[in-house]
Amino acid sequence: MNPQRLSLSFSSTSYKYRFVQGFIRALKRINRQKLATSLLSRSSPTEIYKRYLKVKSAADASMASAVGLRRAWSRALLQRIRDQERINFGNKYYKYCPAGTRIRGKSTTFTMIRNIKRSSDDRNCKDQESINNGALGWKANELRKLVPGGEAMDMCNLLDETAHYIKCLATQVKLMKRIADFASA
């Protein structure tokens, strides 16, 4: 493969750059953990599945961190990851964000969420109840299950967040393919 074509250079302020930096940092951390535990156990299906979950969690956390806290789906995704870490590691744990900042316990993200000004008042959803109870109701409920944090959204916000979430997932897949191509070249 041509190394110039697989270049991973982005603007340092772009979403793609922040995602790639956080994801690669998380992959390095996972690889260090794998090397430390590889002396103790062989690559059993259980260990492979655990590494898969770690990579998936790292990709999701990197994507949500790169987007920031202005989107409901990114806040819900980060909260889900944080809750899962509390289950796995107890209440007193150190969480390493994909950006590399070290946060203990309940972080400043809760304060940041409260300070974000929500602009859902200017949305133009007038007949929300008829949408939820009509033929679109069950489809909207299915969509709410797919989008992180979608359970608490009205229809307009749900569609907006879904469109942004799908765009970010597509970008995540493209970037992960480029990283894999770059690493295998």
C-alpha atoms as a PDB file:
ATOM      1  CA  MET A   1       0.000   0.000   0.000  1.00  0.00           C
ATOM      2  CA  ASN A   2       1.037   3.541  -0.647  1.00  0.00           C
ATOM      3  CA  PRO A   3       1.981   5.250   2.654  1.00  0.00           C
ATOM      4  CA  GLN A   4       1.201   8.716   1.273  1.00  0.00           C
ATOM      5  CA  ARG A   5      -2.347   7.651   0.475  1.00  0.00           C
ATOM      6  CA  LEU A   6      -2.884   6.284   3.973  1.00  0.00           C
ATOM      7  CA  SER A   7      -1.749   9.412   5.729  1.00  0.00           C
ATOM      8  CA  LEU A   8      -3.590  10.072   8.982  1.00  0.00           C
ATOM      9  CA  SER A   9      -2.895  13.792   9.104  1.00  0.00           C
ATOM     10  CA  PHE A  10      -5.808  16.023  10.080  1.00  0.00           C
ATOM     11  CA  SER A  11      -6.243  19.529  11.376  1.00  0.00           C
ATOM     12  CA  SER A  12      -5.453  19.535  15.093  1.00  0.00           C
ATOM     13  CA  THR A  13      -8.858  21.042  15.877  1.00  0.00           C
ATOM     14  CA  SER A  14     -10.978  18.591  13.897  1.00  0.00           C
ATOM     15  CA  TYR A  15     -13.200  15.882  15.303  1.00  0.00           C
ATOM     16  CA  LYS A  16     -11.283  13.269  13.315  1.00  0.00           C
ATOM     17  CA  TYR A  17      -7.970  14.308  14.833  1.00  0.00           C
ATOM     18  CA  ARG A  18      -9.332  14.184  18.384  1.00  0.00           C
ATOM     19  CA  PHE A  19     -10.902  10.774  17.740  1.00  0.00           C
ATOM     20  CA  VAL A  20      -7.740   9.272  16.221  1.00  0.00           C
ATOM     21  CA  GLN A  21      -5.507  10.634  18.989  1.00  0.00           C
ATOM     22  CA  GLY A  22      -7.764   9.339  21.750  1.00  0.00           C
ATOM     23  CA  PHE A  23      -8.341   5.976  20.093  1.00  0.00           C
ATOM     24  CA  ILE A  24      -4.655   5.314  19.429  1.00  0.00           C
ATOM     25  CA  ARG A  25      -3.794   6.311  23.005  1.00  0.00           C
ATOM     26  CA  ALA A  26      -6.449   3.887  24.292  1.00  0.00           C
ATOM     27  CA  LEU A  27      -5.192   1.104  22.000  1.00  0.00           C
ATOM     28  CA  LYS A  28      -1.668   1.574  23.341  1.00  0.00           C
ATOM     29  CA  ARG A  29      -2.991   1.293  26.893  1.00  0.00           C
ATOM     30  CA  ILE A  30      -4.936  -1.880  25.993  1.00  0.00           C
ATOM     31  CA  ASN A  31      -1.833  -3.329  24.338  1.00  0.00           C
ATOM     32  CA  ARG A  32       0.264  -2.641  27.456  1.00  0.00           C
ATOM     33  CA  GLN A  33      -2.353  -4.427  29.563  1.00  0.00           C
ATOM     34  CA  LYS A  34      -2.398  -7.319  27.106  1.00  0.00           C
ATOM     35  CA  LEU A  35       1.381  -7.689  27.303  1.00  0.00           C
ATOM     36  CA  ALA A  36       1.250  -7.695  31.096  1.00  0.00           C
ATOM     37  CA  THR A  37      -1.447 -10.383  31.223  1.00  0.00           C
ATOM     38  CA  SER A  38      -0.119 -12.469  28.312  1.00  0.00           C
ATOM     39  CA  LEU A  39       2.523 -13.958  30.579  1.00  0.00           C
ATOM     40  CA  LEU A  40      -0.186 -15.277  32.896  1.00  0.00           C
ATOM     41  CA  SER A  41      -2.675 -16.751  30.454  1.00  0.00           C
ATOM     42  CA  ARG A  42      -2.953 -17.867  26.878  1.00  0.00           C
ATOM     43  CA  SER A  43      -5.273 -16.238  24.370  1.00  0.00           C
ATOM     44  CA  SER A  44      -8.446 -18.024  25.327  1.00  0.00           C
ATOM     45  CA  PRO A  45     -11.778 -17.089  23.756  1.00  0.00           C
ATOM     46  CA  THR A  46     -12.686 -15.329  26.998  1.00  0.00           C
ATOM     47  CA  GLU A  47      -9.551 -13.168  26.891  1.00  0.00           C
ATOM     48  CA  ILE A  48     -10.124 -12.349  23.216  1.00  0.00           C
ATOM     49  CA  TYR A  49     -13.711 -11.327  23.975  1.00  0.00           C
ATOM     50  CA  LYS A  50     -12.551  -9.139  26.872  1.00  0.00           C
ATOM     51  CA  ARG A  51     -10.064  -7.384  24.567  1.00  0.00           C
ATOM     52  CA  TYR A  52     -12.821  -6.919  21.981  1.00  0.00           C
ATOM     53  CA  LEU A  53     -14.993  -5.225  24.605  1.00  0.00           C
ATOM     54  CA  LYS A  54     -12.083  -2.994  25.652  1.00  0.00           C
ATOM     55  CA  VAL A  55     -11.440  -1.910  22.057  1.00  0.00           C
ATOM     56  CA  LYS A  56     -15.153  -1.277  21.474  1.00  0.00           C
ATOM     57  CA  SER A  57     -15.374   0.753  24.675  1.00  0.00           C
ATOM     58  CA  ALA A  58     -12.240   2.703  23.715  1.00  0.00           C
ATOM     59  CA  ALA A  59     -13.663   3.482  20.269  1.00  0.00           C
ATOM     60  CA  ASP A  60     -16.983   4.623  21.732  1.00  0.00           C
ATOM     61  CA  ALA A  61     -15.317   6.727  24.432  1.00  0.00           C
ATOM     62  CA  SER A  62     -12.953   8.303  21.909  1.00  0.00           C
ATOM     63  CA  MET A  63     -15.818   9.137  19.567  1.00  0.00           C
ATOM     64  CA  ALA A  64     -17.979  10.624  22.323  1.00  0.00           C
ATOM     65  CA  SER A  65     -15.054  12.577  23.793  1.00  0.00           C
ATOM     66  CA  ALA A  66     -14.113  13.927  20.381  1.00  0.00           C
ATOM     67  CA  VAL A  67     -17.669  15.173  19.820  1.00  0.00           C
ATOM     68  CA  GLY A  68     -17.842  16.746  23.254  1.00  0.00           C
ATOM     69  CA  LEU A  69     -20.649  17.152  25.751  1.00  0.00           C
ATOM     70  CA  ARG A  70     -22.985  19.241  23.609  1.00  0.00           C
ATOM     71  CA  ARG A  71     -24.701  16.170  22.171  1.00  0.00           C
ATOM     72  CA  ALA A  72     -27.031  14.081  24.318  1.00  0.00           C
ATOM     73  CA  TRP A  73     -25.889  10.822  22.758  1.00  0.00           C
ATOM     74  CA  SER A  74     -22.228  11.534  23.607  1.00  0.00           C
ATOM     75  CA  ARG A  75     -23.101  12.380  27.220  1.00  0.00           C
ATOM     76  CA  ALA A  76     -25.181   9.184  27.488  1.00  0.00           C
ATOM     77  CA  LEU A  77     -22.422   7.082  25.929  1.00  0.00           C
ATOM     78  CA  LEU A  78     -19.770   8.471  28.277  1.00  0.00           C
ATOM     79  CA  GLN A  79     -22.107   7.935  31.237  1.00  0.00           C
ATOM     80  CA  ARG A  80     -22.716   4.321  30.172  1.00  0.00           C
ATOM     81  CA  ILE A  81     -18.960   3.694  29.947  1.00  0.00           C
ATOM     82  CA  ARG A  82     -18.395   5.402  33.307  1.00  0.00           C
ATOM     83  CA  ASP A  83     -21.138   3.285  34.927  1.00  0.00           C
ATOM     84  CA  GLN A  84     -19.658   0.115  33.451  1.00  0.00           C
ATOM     85  CA  GLU A  85     -16.254   1.016  34.881  1.00  0.00           C
ATOM     86  CA  ARG A  86     -17.831   1.600  38.301  1.00  0.00           C
ATOM     87  CA  ILE A  87     -19.375  -1.861  38.113  1.00  0.00           C
ATOM     88  CA  ASN A  88     -16.051  -3.412  37.118  1.00  0.00           C
ATOM     89  CA  PHE A  89     -13.737  -1.438  39.402  1.00  0.00           C
ATOM     90  CA  GLY A  90     -15.915  -0.238  42.289  1.00  0.00           C
ATOM     91  CA  ASN A  91     -16.614   3.325  43.367  1.00  0.00           C
ATOM     92  CA  LYS A  92     -13.007   4.333  44.006  1.00  0.00           C
ATOM     93  CA  TYR A  93     -11.329   4.104  40.649  1.00  0.00           C
ATOM     94  CA  TYR A  94      -9.210   6.198  38.369  1.00  0.00           C
ATOM     95  CA  LYS A  95     -10.631   6.739  34.915  1.00  0.00           C
ATOM     96  CA  TYR A  96      -8.324   7.608  32.078  1.00  0.00           C
ATOM     97  CA  CYS A  97     -10.108   9.641  29.436  1.00  0.00           C
ATOM     98  CA  PRO A  98      -9.158   9.059  25.802  1.00  0.00           C
ATOM     99  CA  ALA A  99      -7.688  12.548  25.779  1.00  0.00           C
ATOM    100  CA  GLY A 100      -5.260  11.442  28.497  1.00  0.00           C
ATOM    101  CA  THR A 101      -6.495  13.601  31.361  1.00  0.00           C
ATOM    102  CA  ARG A 102      -6.782  11.780  34.653  1.00  0.00           C
ATOM    103  CA  ILE A 103     -10.059  12.102  36.501  1.00  0.00           C
ATOM    104  CA  ARG A 104     -10.986  10.535  39.841  1.00  0.00           C
ATOM    105  CA  GLY A 105     -14.521   9.410  40.629  1.00  0.00           C
ATOM    106  CA  LYS A 106     -17.235  11.863  39.683  1.00  0.00           C
ATOM    107  CA  SER A 107     -15.593  14.195  37.265  1.00  0.00           C
ATOM    108  CA  THR A 108     -16.121  17.734  36.144  1.00  0.00           C
ATOM    109  CA  THR A 109     -18.285  16.519  33.261  1.00  0.00           C
ATOM    110  CA  PHE A 110     -21.378  16.754  35.466  1.00  0.00           C
ATOM    111  CA  THR A 111     -20.623  20.424  36.110  1.00  0.00           C
ATOM    112  CA  MET A 112     -19.987  20.972  32.416  1.00  0.00           C
ATOM    113  CA  ILE A 113     -23.287  19.342  31.489  1.00  0.00           C
ATOM    114  CA  ARG A 114     -25.181  21.679  33.808  1.00  0.00           C
ATOM    115  CA  ASN A 115     -23.486  24.684  32.240  1.00  0.00           C
ATOM    116  CA  ILE A 116     -24.388  23.758  28.676  1.00  0.00           C
ATOM    117  CA  LYS A 117     -27.260  25.858  27.421  1.00  0.00           C
ATOM    118  CA  ARG A 118     -29.864  23.683  25.799  1.00  0.00           C
ATOM    119  CA  SER A 119     -31.572  25.120  22.768  1.00  0.00           C
ATOM    120  CA  SER A 120     -34.462  22.719  22.383  1.00  0.00           C
ATOM    121  CA  ASP A 121     -37.038  25.497  22.883  1.00  0.00           C
ATOM    122  CA  ASP A 122     -36.611  26.761  19.346  1.00  0.00           C
ATOM    123  CA  ARG A 123     -37.414  23.334  17.851  1.00  0.00           C
ATOM    124  CA  ASN A 124     -40.535  23.177  15.735  1.00  0.00           C
ATOM    125  CA  CYS A 125     -42.331  20.078  17.026  1.00  0.00           C
ATOM    126  CA  LYS A 126     -45.886  21.173  17.666  1.00  0.00           C
ATOM    127  CA  ASP A 127     -47.854  17.957  17.710  1.00  0.00           C
ATOM    128  CA  GLN A 128     -45.504  15.703  19.673  1.00  0.00           C
ATOM    129  CA  GLU A 129     -48.208  13.543  21.268  1.00  0.00           C
ATOM    130  CA  SER A 130     -49.771  12.563  17.946  1.00  0.00           C
ATOM    131  CA  ILE A 131     -46.362  11.525  16.620  1.00  0.00           C
ATOM    132  CA  ASN A 132     -45.632   9.362  19.676  1.00  0.00           C
ATOM    133  CA  ASN A 133     -49.080   7.728  19.727  1.00  0.00           C
ATOM    134  CA  GLY A 134     -49.555   7.316  15.971  1.00  0.00           C
ATOM    135  CA  ALA A 135     -48.030   5.030  13.392  1.00  0.00           C
ATOM    136  CA  LEU A 136     -44.578   6.497  13.974  1.00  0.00           C
ATOM    137  CA  GLY A 137     -44.724   5.769  17.703  1.00  0.00           C
ATOM    138  CA  TRP A 138     -43.328   2.238  17.605  1.00  0.00           C
ATOM    139  CA  LYS A 139     -40.646   3.225  15.074  1.00  0.00           C
ATOM    140  CA  ALA A 140     -39.609   6.135  17.256  1.00  0.00           C
ATOM    141  CA  ASN A 141     -39.402   3.800  20.240  1.00  0.00           C
ATOM    142  CA  GLU A 142     -37.160   1.440  18.271  1.00  0.00           C
ATOM    143  CA  LEU A 143     -34.968   4.396  17.323  1.00  0.00           C
ATOM    144  CA  ARG A 144     -34.816   5.504  20.961  1.00  0.00           C
ATOM    145  CA  LYS A 145     -33.366   2.098  21.859  1.00  0.00           C
ATOM    146  CA  LEU A 146     -30.585   2.453  19.270  1.00  0.00           C
ATOM    147  CA  VAL A 147     -29.379   5.983  20.037  1.00  0.00           C
ATOM    148  CA  PRO A 148     -27.617   6.402  23.391  1.00  0.00           C
ATOM    149  CA  GLY A 149     -29.717   8.659  25.595  1.00  0.00           C
ATOM    150  CA  GLY A 150     -32.630   8.510  23.166  1.00  0.00           C
ATOM    151  CA  GLU A 151     -35.122   7.293  25.762  1.00  0.00           C
ATOM    152  CA  ALA A 152     -35.631  10.791  27.167  1.00  0.00           C
ATOM    153  CA  MET A 153     -35.808  12.711  23.871  1.00  0.00           C
ATOM    154  CA  ASP A 154     -38.758  14.147  22.031  1.00  0.00           C
ATOM    155  CA  MET A 155     -39.119  13.359  18.330  1.00  0.00           C
ATOM    156  CA  CYS A 156     -37.319  16.431  16.956  1.00  0.00           C
ATOM    157  CA  ASN A 157     -34.328  16.041  19.251  1.00  0.00           C
ATOM    158  CA  LEU A 158     -34.292  12.298  18.595  1.00  0.00           C
ATOM    159  CA  LEU A 159     -34.070  12.786  14.827  1.00  0.00           C
ATOM    160  CA  ASP A 160     -31.379  15.451  15.185  1.00  0.00           C
ATOM    161  CA  GLU A 161     -29.295  13.341  17.579  1.00  0.00           C
ATOM    162  CA  THR A 162     -29.781  10.229  15.419  1.00  0.00           C
ATOM    163  CA  ALA A 163     -28.532  11.995  12.294  1.00  0.00           C
ATOM    164  CA  HIS A 164     -25.459  13.266  14.125  1.00  0.00           C
ATOM    165  CA  TYR A 165     -24.816   9.870  15.765  1.00  0.00           C
ATOM    166  CA  ILE A 166     -25.005   8.067  12.403  1.00  0.00           C
ATOM    167  CA  LYS A 167     -22.639  10.602  10.847  1.00  0.00           C
ATOM    168  CA  CYS A 168     -20.165  10.084  13.677  1.00  0.00           C
ATOM    169  CA  LEU A 169     -20.442   6.287  13.459  1.00  0.00           C
ATOM    170  CA  ALA A 170     -19.733   6.406   9.720  1.00  0.00           C
ATOM    171  CA  THR A 171     -16.713   8.623  10.357  1.00  0.00           C
ATOM    172  CA  GLN A 172     -15.555   6.266  13.118  1.00  0.00           C
ATOM    173  CA  VAL A 173     -15.705   3.269  10.774  1.00  0.00           C
ATOM    174  CA  LYS A 174     -13.768   5.110   8.043  1.00  0.00           C
ATOM    175  CA  LEU A 175     -11.080   6.236  10.474  1.00  0.00           C
ATOM    176  CA  MET A 176     -10.733   2.794  12.043  1.00  0.00           C
ATOM    177  CA  LYS A 177     -10.338   1.276   8.570  1.00  0.00           C
ATOM    178  CA  ARG A 178      -7.653   3.847   7.768  1.00  0.00           C
ATOM    179  CA  ILE A 179      -5.868   3.082  11.031  1.00  0.00           C
ATOM    180  CA  ALA A 180      -6.000  -0.658  10.279  1.00  0.00           C
ATOM    181  CA  ASP A 181      -4.724  -0.105   6.723  1.00  0.00           C
ATOM    182  CA  PHE A 182      -1.992   2.183   8.009  1.00  0.00           C
ATOM    183  CA  ALA A 183      -0.919  -0.332  10.670  1.00  0.00           C
ATOM    184  CA  SER A 184      -0.879  -3.276   8.253  1.00  0.00           C
ATOM    185  CA  ALA A 185       1.059  -1.435   5.526  1.00  0.00           C
END
